[in-house]
Amino acid sequence: AIEAVKEASEGRGSDVSIEASGAPKGLQLAIDCSGLEADVCVV
């Protein structure tokens, strides 16, 4: 995931990460994939 998001965003990270799994590792990954001043939305 981290590498794919970096590649898709030209290194910026995601603008918005939506965590829908309810799994702590999923929330950590959403944080780790997010770019500068991004929103991490927990659904």
ModelCIF file with pLDDT and N, C-alpha, C, O atoms, coordinates in Angstrom:
data_MODEL
#
_entry.id   MODEL 
#
_entity.id                         1 
_entity.type                       polymer 
_entity.pdbx_number_of_molecules   1 
#
_entity_poly.entity_id                      1 
_entity_poly.type                           'polypeptide(L)' 
_entity_poly.nstd_linkage                   no 
_entity_poly.nstd_monomer                   no 
_entity_poly.pdbx_seq_one_letter_code       AIEAVKEASEGRGSDVSIEASGAPKGLQLAIDCSGLEADVCVV 
_entity_poly.pdbx_seq_one_letter_code_can   AIEAVKEASEGRGSDVSIEASGAPKGLQLAIDCSGLEADVCVV 
_entity_poly.pdbx_strand_id                 A 
#
loop_
_entity_poly_seq.entity_id 
_entity_poly_seq.num 
_entity_poly_seq.mon_id 
_entity_poly_seq.hetero 
1 1  ALA n 
1 2  ILE n 
1 3  GLU n 
1 4  ALA n 
1 5  VAL n 
1 6  LYS n 
1 7  GLU n 
1 8  ALA n 
1 9  SER n 
1 10 GLU n 
1 11 GLY n 
1 12 ARG n 
1 13 GLY n 
1 14 SER n 
1 15 ASP n 
1 16 VAL n 
1 17 SER n 
1 18 ILE n 
1 19 GLU n 
1 20 ALA n 
1 21 SER n 
1 22 GLY n 
1 23 ALA n 
1 24 PRO n 
1 25 LYS n 
1 26 GLY n 
1 27 LEU n 
1 28 GLN n 
1 29 LEU n 
1 30 ALA n 
1 31 ILE n 
1 32 ASP n 
1 33 CYS n 
1 34 SER n 
1 35 GLY n 
1 36 LEU n 
1 37 GLU n 
1 38 ALA n 
1 39 ASP n 
1 40 VAL n 
1 41 CYS n 
1 42 VAL n 
1 43 VAL n 
#
_struct_asym.id          A 
_struct_asym.entity_id   1 
#
loop_
_ma_qa_metric.id 
_ma_qa_metric.mode 
_ma_qa_metric.name 
_ma_qa_metric.software_group_id 
_ma_qa_metric.type 
1 global pLDDT . pLDDT 
2 local  pLDDT . pLDDT 
#
_ma_qa_metric_global.metric_id      1 
_ma_qa_metric_global.metric_value   95.44 
_ma_qa_metric_global.model_id       1 
_ma_qa_metric_global.ordinal_id     1 
#
loop_
_ma_qa_metric_local.label_asym_id 
_ma_qa_metric_local.label_comp_id 
_ma_qa_metric_local.label_seq_id 
_ma_qa_metric_local.metric_id 
_ma_qa_metric_local.metric_value 
_ma_qa_metric_local.model_id 
_ma_qa_metric_local.ordinal_id 
A ALA 1  2 98.00 1 1  
A ILE 2  2 97.00 1 2  
A GLU 3  2 97.00 1 3  
A ALA 4  2 97.00 1 4  
A VAL 5  2 97.00 1 5  
A LYS 6  2 96.00 1 6  
A GLU 7  2 96.00 1 7  
A ALA 8  2 95.00 1 8  
A SER 9  2 94.00 1 9  
A GLU 10 2 94.00 1 10 
A GLY 11 2 95.00 1 11 
A ARG 12 2 95.00 1 12 
A GLY 13 2 96.00 1 13 
A SER 14 2 96.00 1 14 
A ASP 15 2 95.00 1 15 
A VAL 16 2 95.00 1 16 
A SER 17 2 96.00 1 17 
A ILE 18 2 95.00 1 18 
A GLU 19 2 96.00 1 19 
A ALA 20 2 93.00 1 20 
A SER 21 2 92.00 1 21 
A GLY 22 2 92.00 1 22 
A ALA 23 2 93.00 1 23 
A PRO 24 2 95.00 1 24 
A LYS 25 2 96.00 1 25 
A GLY 26 2 96.00 1 26 
A LEU 27 2 96.00 1 27 
A GLN 28 2 97.00 1 28 
A LEU 29 2 97.00 1 29 
A ALA 30 2 97.00 1 30 
A ILE 31 2 97.00 1 31 
A ASP 32 2 97.00 1 32 
A CYS 33 2 97.00 1 33 
A SER 34 2 97.00 1 34 
A GLY 35 2 96.00 1 35 
A LEU 36 2 97.00 1 36 
A GLU 37 2 96.00 1 37 
A ALA 38 2 96.00 1 38 
A ASP 39 2 94.00 1 39 
A VAL 40 2 96.00 1 40 
A CYS 41 2 93.00 1 41 
A VAL 42 2 93.00 1 42 
A VAL 43 2 91.00 1 43 
#
loop_
_atom_site.group_PDB 
_atom_site.id 
_atom_site.type_symbol 
_atom_site.label_atom_id 
_atom_site.label_alt_id 
_atom_site.label_comp_id 
_atom_site.label_asym_id 
_atom_site.label_entity_id 
_atom_site.label_seq_id 
_atom_site.pdbx_PDB_ins_code 
_atom_site.Cartn_x 
_atom_site.Cartn_y 
_atom_site.Cartn_z 
_atom_site.occupancy 
_atom_site.B_iso_or_equiv 
_atom_site.pdbx_formal_charge 
_atom_site.auth_seq_id 
_atom_site.auth_comp_id 
_atom_site.auth_asym_id 
_atom_site.auth_atom_id 
_atom_site.pdbx_PDB_model_num 
ATOM 1   N N  . ALA A 1 1  ? 0.797   -1.226 0.000  1.00 98.00 ? 1  ALA A N  1 
ATOM 2   C CA . ALA A 1 1  ? 0.000   0.000  0.000  1.00 98.00 ? 1  ALA A CA 1 
ATOM 3   C C  . ALA A 1 1  ? 0.831   1.277  0.000  1.00 98.00 ? 1  ALA A C  1 
ATOM 4   O O  . ALA A 1 1  ? 0.585   2.171  -0.810 1.00 98.00 ? 1  ALA A O  1 
ATOM 5   N N  . ILE A 1 2  ? 1.798   1.377  0.885  1.00 97.00 ? 2  ILE A N  1 
ATOM 6   C CA . ILE A 1 2  ? 2.560   2.627  0.991  1.00 97.00 ? 2  ILE A CA 1 
ATOM 7   C C  . ILE A 1 2  ? 3.254   2.935  -0.324 1.00 97.00 ? 2  ILE A C  1 
ATOM 8   O O  . ILE A 1 2  ? 3.200   4.067  -0.805 1.00 97.00 ? 2  ILE A O  1 
ATOM 9   N N  . GLU A 1 3  ? 3.898   1.947  -0.903 1.00 97.00 ? 3  GLU A N  1 
ATOM 10  C CA . GLU A 1 3  ? 4.597   2.157  -2.179 1.00 97.00 ? 3  GLU A CA 1 
ATOM 11  C C  . GLU A 1 3  ? 3.609   2.498  -3.297 1.00 97.00 ? 3  GLU A C  1 
ATOM 12  O O  . GLU A 1 3  ? 3.885   3.377  -4.113 1.00 97.00 ? 3  GLU A O  1 
ATOM 13  N N  . ALA A 1 4  ? 2.468   1.819  -3.344 1.00 97.00 ? 4  ALA A N  1 
ATOM 14  C CA . ALA A 1 4  ? 1.467   2.081  -4.386 1.00 97.00 ? 4  ALA A CA 1 
ATOM 15  C C  . ALA A 1 4  ? 0.911   3.500  -4.282 1.00 97.00 ? 4  ALA A C  1 
ATOM 16  O O  . ALA A 1 4  ? 0.733   4.176  -5.295 1.00 97.00 ? 4  ALA A O  1 
ATOM 17  N N  . VAL A 1 5  ? 0.640   3.946  -3.062 1.00 97.00 ? 5  VAL A N  1 
ATOM 18  C CA . VAL A 1 5  ? 0.120   5.313  -2.877 1.00 97.00 ? 5  VAL A CA 1 
ATOM 19  C C  . VAL A 1 5  ? 1.183   6.338  -3.240 1.00 97.00 ? 5  VAL A C  1 
ATOM 20  O O  . VAL A 1 5  ? 0.877   7.351  -3.870 1.00 97.00 ? 5  VAL A O  1 
ATOM 21  N N  . LYS A 1 6  ? 2.423   6.088  -2.850 1.00 96.00 ? 6  LYS A N  1 
ATOM 22  C CA . LYS A 1 6  ? 3.508   7.012  -3.219 1.00 96.00 ? 6  LYS A CA 1 
ATOM 23  C C  . LYS A 1 6  ? 3.632   7.120  -4.740 1.00 96.00 ? 6  LYS A C  1 
ATOM 24  O O  . LYS A 1 6  ? 3.763   8.213  -5.291 1.00 96.00 ? 6  LYS A O  1 
ATOM 25  N N  . GLU A 1 7  ? 3.590   5.972  -5.397 1.00 96.00 ? 7  GLU A N  1 
ATOM 26  C CA . GLU A 1 7  ? 3.713   5.973  -6.858 1.00 96.00 ? 7  GLU A CA 1 
ATOM 27  C C  . GLU A 1 7  ? 2.525   6.669  -7.517 1.00 96.00 ? 7  GLU A C  1 
ATOM 28  O O  . GLU A 1 7  ? 2.709   7.465  -8.438 1.00 96.00 ? 7  GLU A O  1 
ATOM 29  N N  . ALA A 1 8  ? 1.315   6.378  -7.058 1.00 95.00 ? 8  ALA A N  1 
ATOM 30  C CA . ALA A 1 8  ? 0.116   6.977  -7.648 1.00 95.00 ? 8  ALA A CA 1 
ATOM 31  C C  . ALA A 1 8  ? 0.032   8.479  -7.396 1.00 95.00 ? 8  ALA A C  1 
ATOM 32  O O  . ALA A 1 8  ? -0.574  9.212  -8.178 1.00 95.00 ? 8  ALA A O  1 
ATOM 33  N N  . SER A 1 9  ? 0.643   8.936  -6.298 1.00 94.00 ? 9  SER A N  1 
ATOM 34  C CA . SER A 1 9  ? 0.557   10.357 -5.933 1.00 94.00 ? 9  SER A CA 1 
ATOM 35  C C  . SER A 1 9  ? 1.833   11.127 -6.233 1.00 94.00 ? 9  SER A C  1 
ATOM 36  O O  . SER A 1 9  ? 1.996   12.262 -5.784 1.00 94.00 ? 9  SER A O  1 
ATOM 37  N N  . GLU A 1 10 ? 2.730   10.519 -6.984 1.00 94.00 ? 10 GLU A N  1 
ATOM 38  C CA . GLU A 1 10 ? 4.016   11.124 -7.309 1.00 94.00 ? 10 GLU A CA 1 
ATOM 39  C C  . GLU A 1 10 ? 4.769   11.528 -6.040 1.00 94.00 ? 10 GLU A C  1 
ATOM 40  O O  . GLU A 1 10 ? 5.396   12.585 -5.975 1.00 94.00 ? 10 GLU A O  1 
ATOM 41  N N  . GLY A 1 11 ? 4.687   10.646 -5.030 1.00 95.00 ? 11 GLY A N  1 
ATOM 42  C CA . GLY A 1 11 ? 5.430   10.835 -3.795 1.00 95.00 ? 11 GLY A CA 1 
ATOM 43  C C  . GLY A 1 11 ? 4.750   11.680 -2.734 1.00 95.00 ? 11 GLY A C  1 
ATOM 44  O O  . GLY A 1 11 ? 5.282   11.820 -1.633 1.00 95.00 ? 11 GLY A O  1 
ATOM 45  N N  . ARG A 1 12 ? 3.590   12.244 -3.031 1.00 95.00 ? 12 ARG A N  1 
ATOM 46  C CA . ARG A 1 12 ? 2.934   13.152 -2.078 1.00 95.00 ? 12 ARG A CA 1 
ATOM 47  C C  . ARG A 1 12 ? 2.171   12.425 -0.977 1.00 95.00 ? 12 ARG A C  1 
ATOM 48  O O  . ARG A 1 12 ? 1.979   12.998 0.096  1.00 95.00 ? 12 ARG A O  1 
ATOM 49  N N  . GLY A 1 13 ? 1.738   11.214 -1.190 1.00 96.00 ? 13 GLY A N  1 
ATOM 50  C CA . GLY A 1 13 ? 0.848   10.530 -0.254 1.00 96.00 ? 13 GLY A CA 1 
ATOM 51  C C  . GLY A 1 13 ? -0.588  10.884 -0.590 1.00 96.00 ? 13 GLY A C  1 
ATOM 52  O O  . GLY A 1 13 ? -0.844  11.753 -1.423 1.00 96.00 ? 13 GLY A O  1 
ATOM 53  N N  . SER A 1 14 ? -1.515  10.215 0.057  1.00 96.00 ? 14 SER A N  1 
ATOM 54  C CA . SER A 1 14 ? -2.927  10.433 -0.284 1.00 96.00 ? 14 SER A CA 1 
ATOM 55  C C  . SER A 1 14 ? -3.426  11.771 0.260  1.00 96.00 ? 14 SER A C  1 
ATOM 56  O O  . SER A 1 14 ? -2.948  12.257 1.285  1.00 96.00 ? 14 SER A O  1 
ATOM 57  N N  . ASP A 1 15 ? -4.382  12.347 -0.433 1.00 95.00 ? 15 ASP A N  1 
ATOM 58  C CA . ASP A 1 15 ? -5.060  13.559 0.041  1.00 95.00 ? 15 ASP A CA 1 
ATOM 59  C C  . ASP A 1 15 ? -6.095  13.196 1.090  1.00 95.00 ? 15 ASP A C  1 
ATOM 60  O O  . ASP A 1 15 ? -6.288  13.918 2.068  1.00 95.00 ? 15 ASP A O  1 
ATOM 61  N N  . VAL A 1 16 ? -6.757  12.072 0.877  1.00 95.00 ? 16 VAL A N  1 
ATOM 62  C CA . VAL A 1 16 ? -7.760  11.560 1.806  1.00 95.00 ? 16 VAL A CA 1 
ATOM 63  C C  . VAL A 1 16 ? -7.570  10.053 1.898  1.00 95.00 ? 16 VAL A C  1 
ATOM 64  O O  . VAL A 1 16 ? -7.478  9.363  0.882  1.00 95.00 ? 16 VAL A O  1 
ATOM 65  N N  . SER A 1 17 ? -7.512  9.554  3.122  1.00 96.00 ? 17 SER A N  1 
ATOM 66  C CA . SER A 1 17 ? -7.471  8.117  3.349  1.00 96.00 ? 17 SER A CA 1 
ATOM 67  C C  . SER A 1 17 ? -8.748  7.752  4.092  1.00 96.00 ? 17 SER A C  1 
ATOM 68  O O  . SER A 1 17 ? -9.084  8.370  5.102  1.00 96.00 ? 17 SER A O  1 
ATOM 69  N N  . ILE A 1 18 ? -9.450  6.760  3.598  1.00 95.00 ? 18 ILE A N  1 
ATOM 70  C CA . ILE A 1 18 ? -10.678 6.313  4.237  1.00 95.00 ? 18 ILE A CA 1 
ATOM 71  C C  . ILE A 1 18 ? -10.435 4.918  4.797  1.00 95.00 ? 18 ILE A C  1 
ATOM 72  O O  . ILE A 1 18 ? -10.176 3.973  4.053  1.00 95.00 ? 18 ILE A O  1 
ATOM 73  N N  . GLU A 1 19 ? -10.523 4.804  6.116  1.00 96.00 ? 19 GLU A N  1 
ATOM 74  C CA . GLU A 1 19 ? -10.276 3.532  6.775  1.00 96.00 ? 19 GLU A CA 1 
ATOM 75  C C  . GLU A 1 19 ? -11.625 2.898  7.092  1.00 96.00 ? 19 GLU A C  1 
ATOM 76  O O  . GLU A 1 19 ? -12.370 3.401  7.934  1.00 96.00 ? 19 GLU A O  1 
ATOM 77  N N  . ALA A 1 20 ? -11.937 1.795  6.418  1.00 93.00 ? 20 ALA A N  1 
ATOM 78  C CA . ALA A 1 20 ? -13.259 1.181  6.549  1.00 93.00 ? 20 ALA A CA 1 
ATOM 79  C C  . ALA A 1 20 ? -13.220 -0.218 7.155  1.00 93.00 ? 20 ALA A C  1 
ATOM 80  O O  . ALA A 1 20 ? -14.264 -0.860 7.273  1.00 93.00 ? 20 ALA A O  1 
ATOM 81  N N  . SER A 1 21 ? -12.054 -0.702 7.538  1.00 92.00 ? 21 SER A N  1 
ATOM 82  C CA . SER A 1 21 ? -11.959 -2.084 8.004  1.00 92.00 ? 21 SER A CA 1 
ATOM 83  C C  . SER A 1 21 ? -12.325 -2.256 9.476  1.00 92.00 ? 21 SER A C  1 
ATOM 84  O O  . SER A 1 21 ? -12.781 -3.325 9.880  1.00 92.00 ? 21 SER A O  1 
ATOM 85  N N  . GLY A 1 22 ? -12.131 -1.231 10.262 1.00 92.00 ? 22 GLY A N  1 
ATOM 86  C CA . GLY A 1 22 ? -12.321 -1.389 11.704 1.00 92.00 ? 22 GLY A CA 1 
ATOM 87  C C  . GLY A 1 22 ? -11.176 -2.149 12.351 1.00 92.00 ? 22 GLY A C  1 
ATOM 88  O O  . GLY A 1 22 ? -11.294 -2.606 13.487 1.00 92.00 ? 22 GLY A O  1 
ATOM 89  N N  . ALA A 1 23 ? -10.069 -2.286 11.633 1.00 93.00 ? 23 ALA A N  1 
ATOM 90  C CA . ALA A 1 23 ? -8.894  -2.989 12.142 1.00 93.00 ? 23 ALA A CA 1 
ATOM 91  C C  . ALA A 1 23 ? -7.811  -1.971 12.489 1.00 93.00 ? 23 ALA A C  1 
ATOM 92  O O  . ALA A 1 23 ? -7.501  -1.108 11.668 1.00 93.00 ? 23 ALA A O  1 
ATOM 93  N N  . PRO A 1 24 ? -7.227  -2.052 13.687 1.00 95.00 ? 24 PRO A N  1 
ATOM 94  C CA . PRO A 1 24 ? -6.177  -1.100 14.056 1.00 95.00 ? 24 PRO A CA 1 
ATOM 95  C C  . PRO A 1 24 ? -5.045  -1.004 13.041 1.00 95.00 ? 24 PRO A C  1 
ATOM 96  O O  . PRO A 1 24 ? -4.547  0.092  12.781 1.00 95.00 ? 24 PRO A O  1 
ATOM 97  N N  . LYS A 1 25 ? -4.626  -2.133 12.458 1.00 96.00 ? 25 LYS A N  1 
ATOM 98  C CA . LYS A 1 25 ? -3.567  -2.085 11.444 1.00 96.00 ? 25 LYS A CA 1 
ATOM 99  C C  . LYS A 1 25 ? -4.008  -1.277 10.218 1.00 96.00 ? 25 LYS A C  1 
ATOM 100 O O  . LYS A 1 25 ? -3.188  -0.624 9.572  1.00 96.00 ? 25 LYS A O  1 
ATOM 101 N N  . GLY A 1 26 ? -5.311  -1.326 9.903  1.00 96.00 ? 26 GLY A N  1 
ATOM 102 C CA . GLY A 1 26 ? -5.828  -0.547 8.785  1.00 96.00 ? 26 GLY A CA 1 
ATOM 103 C C  . GLY A 1 26 ? -5.744  0.946  9.055  1.00 96.00 ? 26 GLY A C  1 
ATOM 104 O O  . GLY A 1 26 ? -5.408  1.724  8.162  1.00 96.00 ? 26 GLY A O  1 
ATOM 105 N N  . LEU A 1 27 ? -6.049  1.346  10.281 1.00 96.00 ? 27 LEU A N  1 
ATOM 106 C CA . LEU A 1 27 ? -5.951  2.762  10.636 1.00 96.00 ? 27 LEU A CA 1 
ATOM 107 C C  . LEU A 1 27 ? -4.501  3.222  10.618 1.00 96.00 ? 27 LEU A C  1 
ATOM 108 O O  . LEU A 1 27 ? -4.203  4.322  10.153 1.00 96.00 ? 27 LEU A O  1 
ATOM 109 N N  . GLN A 1 28 ? -3.602  2.390  11.119 1.00 97.00 ? 28 GLN A N  1 
ATOM 110 C CA . GLN A 1 28 ? -2.184  2.745  11.072 1.00 97.00 ? 28 GLN A CA 1 
ATOM 111 C C  . GLN A 1 28 ? -1.717  2.907  9.630  1.00 97.00 ? 28 GLN A C  1 
ATOM 112 O O  . GLN A 1 28 ? -0.981  3.841  9.310  1.00 97.00 ? 28 GLN A O  1 
ATOM 113 N N  . LEU A 1 29 ? -2.145  2.002  8.771  1.00 97.00 ? 29 LEU A N  1 
ATOM 114 C CA . LEU A 1 29 ? -1.752  2.080  7.364  1.00 97.00 ? 29 LEU A CA 1 
ATOM 115 C C  . LEU A 1 29 ? -2.317  3.331  6.702  1.00 97.00 ? 29 LEU A C  1 
ATOM 116 O O  . LEU A 1 29 ? -1.635  3.961  5.893  1.00 97.00 ? 29 LEU A O  1 
ATOM 117 N N  . ALA A 1 30 ? -3.546  3.697  7.032  1.00 97.00 ? 30 ALA A N  1 
ATOM 118 C CA . ALA A 1 30 ? -4.135  4.920  6.480  1.00 97.00 ? 30 ALA A CA 1 
ATOM 119 C C  . ALA A 1 30 ? -3.313  6.142  6.887  1.00 97.00 ? 30 ALA A C  1 
ATOM 120 O O  . ALA A 1 30 ? -3.070  7.031  6.071  1.00 97.00 ? 30 ALA A O  1 
ATOM 121 N N  . ILE A 1 31 ? -2.892  6.182  8.134  1.00 97.00 ? 31 ILE A N  1 
ATOM 122 C CA . ILE A 1 31 ? -2.039  7.285  8.601  1.00 97.00 ? 31 ILE A CA 1 
ATOM 123 C C  . ILE A 1 31 ? -0.724  7.283  7.843  1.00 97.00 ? 31 ILE A C  1 
ATOM 124 O O  . ILE A 1 31 ? -0.259  8.334  7.401  1.00 97.00 ? 31 ILE A O  1 
ATOM 125 N N  . ASP A 1 32 ? -0.122  6.110  7.690  1.00 97.00 ? 32 ASP A N  1 
ATOM 126 C CA . ASP A 1 32 ? 1.185   6.006  7.042  1.00 97.00 ? 32 ASP A CA 1 
ATOM 127 C C  . ASP A 1 32 ? 1.138   6.342  5.553  1.00 97.00 ? 32 ASP A C  1 
ATOM 128 O O  . ASP A 1 32 ? 2.156   6.739  4.987  1.00 97.00 ? 32 ASP A O  1 
ATOM 129 N N  . CYS A 1 33 ? -0.017  6.191  4.907  1.00 97.00 ? 33 CYS A N  1 
ATOM 130 C CA . CYS A 1 33 ? -0.153  6.476  3.477  1.00 97.00 ? 33 CYS A CA 1 
ATOM 131 C C  . CYS A 1 33 ? -0.523  7.930  3.189  1.00 97.00 ? 33 CYS A C  1 
ATOM 132 O O  . CYS A 1 33 ? -0.445  8.370  2.042  1.00 97.00 ? 33 CYS A O  1 
ATOM 133 N N  . SER A 1 34 ? -0.919  8.670  4.204  1.00 97.00 ? 34 SER A N  1 
ATOM 134 C CA . SER A 1 34 ? -1.464  10.010 4.000  1.00 97.00 ? 34 SER A CA 1 
ATOM 135 C C  . SER A 1 34 ? -0.372  11.060 3.811  1.00 97.00 ? 34 SER A C  1 
ATOM 136 O O  . SER A 1 34 ? 0.691   11.001 4.428  1.00 97.00 ? 34 SER A O  1 
ATOM 137 N N  . GLY A 1 35 ? -0.667  12.012 2.948  1.00 96.00 ? 35 GLY A N  1 
ATOM 138 C CA . GLY A 1 35 ? 0.270   13.080 2.652  1.00 96.00 ? 35 GLY A CA 1 
ATOM 139 C C  . GLY A 1 35 ? 0.082   14.290 3.555  1.00 96.00 ? 35 GLY A C  1 
ATOM 140 O O  . GLY A 1 35 ? -0.727  14.270 4.482  1.00 96.00 ? 35 GLY A O  1 
ATOM 141 N N  . LEU A 1 36 ? 0.828   15.322 3.275  1.00 97.00 ? 36 LEU A N  1 
ATOM 142 C CA . LEU A 1 36 ? 0.826   16.550 4.055  1.00 97.00 ? 36 LEU A CA 1 
ATOM 143 C C  . LEU A 1 36 ? -0.579  17.130 4.179  1.00 97.00 ? 36 LEU A C  1 
ATOM 144 O O  . LEU A 1 36 ? -1.258  17.355 3.177  1.00 97.00 ? 36 LEU A O  1 
ATOM 145 N N  . GLU A 1 37 ? -1.005  17.369 5.415  1.00 96.00 ? 37 GLU A N  1 
ATOM 146 C CA . GLU A 1 37 ? -2.299  17.959 5.754  1.00 96.00 ? 37 GLU A CA 1 
ATOM 147 C C  . GLU A 1 37 ? -3.494  17.184 5.182  1.00 96.00 ? 37 GLU A C  1 
ATOM 148 O O  . GLU A 1 37 ? -4.527  17.769 4.858  1.00 96.00 ? 37 GLU A O  1 
ATOM 149 N N  . ALA A 1 38 ? -3.339  15.894 5.067  1.00 96.00 ? 38 ALA A N  1 
ATOM 150 C CA . ALA A 1 38 ? -4.405  15.033 4.549  1.00 96.00 ? 38 ALA A CA 1 
ATOM 151 C C  . ALA A 1 38 ? -5.426  14.734 5.639  1.00 96.00 ? 38 ALA A C  1 
ATOM 152 O O  . ALA A 1 38 ? -5.160  14.901 6.829  1.00 96.00 ? 38 ALA A O  1 
ATOM 153 N N  . ASP A 1 39 ? -6.588  14.294 5.207  1.00 94.00 ? 39 ASP A N  1 
ATOM 154 C CA . ASP A 1 39 ? -7.626  13.822 6.114  1.00 94.00 ? 39 ASP A CA 1 
ATOM 155 C C  . ASP A 1 39 ? -7.586  12.303 6.159  1.00 94.00 ? 39 ASP A C  1 
ATOM 156 O O  . ASP A 1 39 ? -7.464  11.644 5.126  1.00 94.00 ? 39 ASP A O  1 
ATOM 157 N N  . VAL A 1 40 ? -7.690  11.752 7.364  1.00 96.00 ? 40 VAL A N  1 
ATOM 158 C CA . VAL A 1 40 ? -7.840  10.319 7.556  1.00 96.00 ? 40 VAL A CA 1 
ATOM 159 C C  . VAL A 1 40 ? -9.245  10.137 8.121  1.00 96.00 ? 40 VAL A C  1 
ATOM 160 O O  . VAL A 1 40 ? -9.500  10.435 9.288  1.00 96.00 ? 40 VAL A O  1 
ATOM 161 N N  . CYS A 1 41 ? -10.140 9.650  7.289  1.00 93.00 ? 41 CYS A N  1 
ATOM 162 C CA . CYS A 1 41 ? -11.538 9.493  7.675  1.00 93.00 ? 41 CYS A CA 1 
ATOM 163 C C  . CYS A 1 41 ? -11.780 8.056  8.131  1.00 93.00 ? 41 CYS A C  1 
ATOM 164 O O  . CYS A 1 41 ? -11.521 7.105  7.395  1.00 93.00 ? 41 CYS A O  1 
ATOM 165 N N  . VAL A 1 42 ? -12.276 7.919  9.348  1.00 93.00 ? 42 VAL A N  1 
ATOM 166 C CA . VAL A 1 42 ? -12.501 6.599  9.926  1.00 93.00 ? 42 VAL A CA 1 
ATOM 167 C C  . VAL A 1 42 ? -13.982 6.268  9.827  1.00 93.00 ? 42 VAL A C  1 
ATOM 168 O O  . VAL A 1 42 ? -14.806 6.852  10.531 1.00 93.00 ? 42 VAL A O  1 
ATOM 169 N N  . VAL A 1 43 ? -14.317 5.322  8.943  1.00 91.00 ? 43 VAL A N  1 
ATOM 170 C CA . VAL A 1 43 ? -15.697 4.857  8.821  1.00 91.00 ? 43 VAL A CA 1 
ATOM 171 C C  . VAL A 1 43 ? -15.853 3.454  9.378  1.00 91.00 ? 43 VAL A C  1 
ATOM 172 O O  . VAL A 1 43 ? -16.952 2.900  9.359  1.00 91.00 ? 43 VAL A O  1 
#
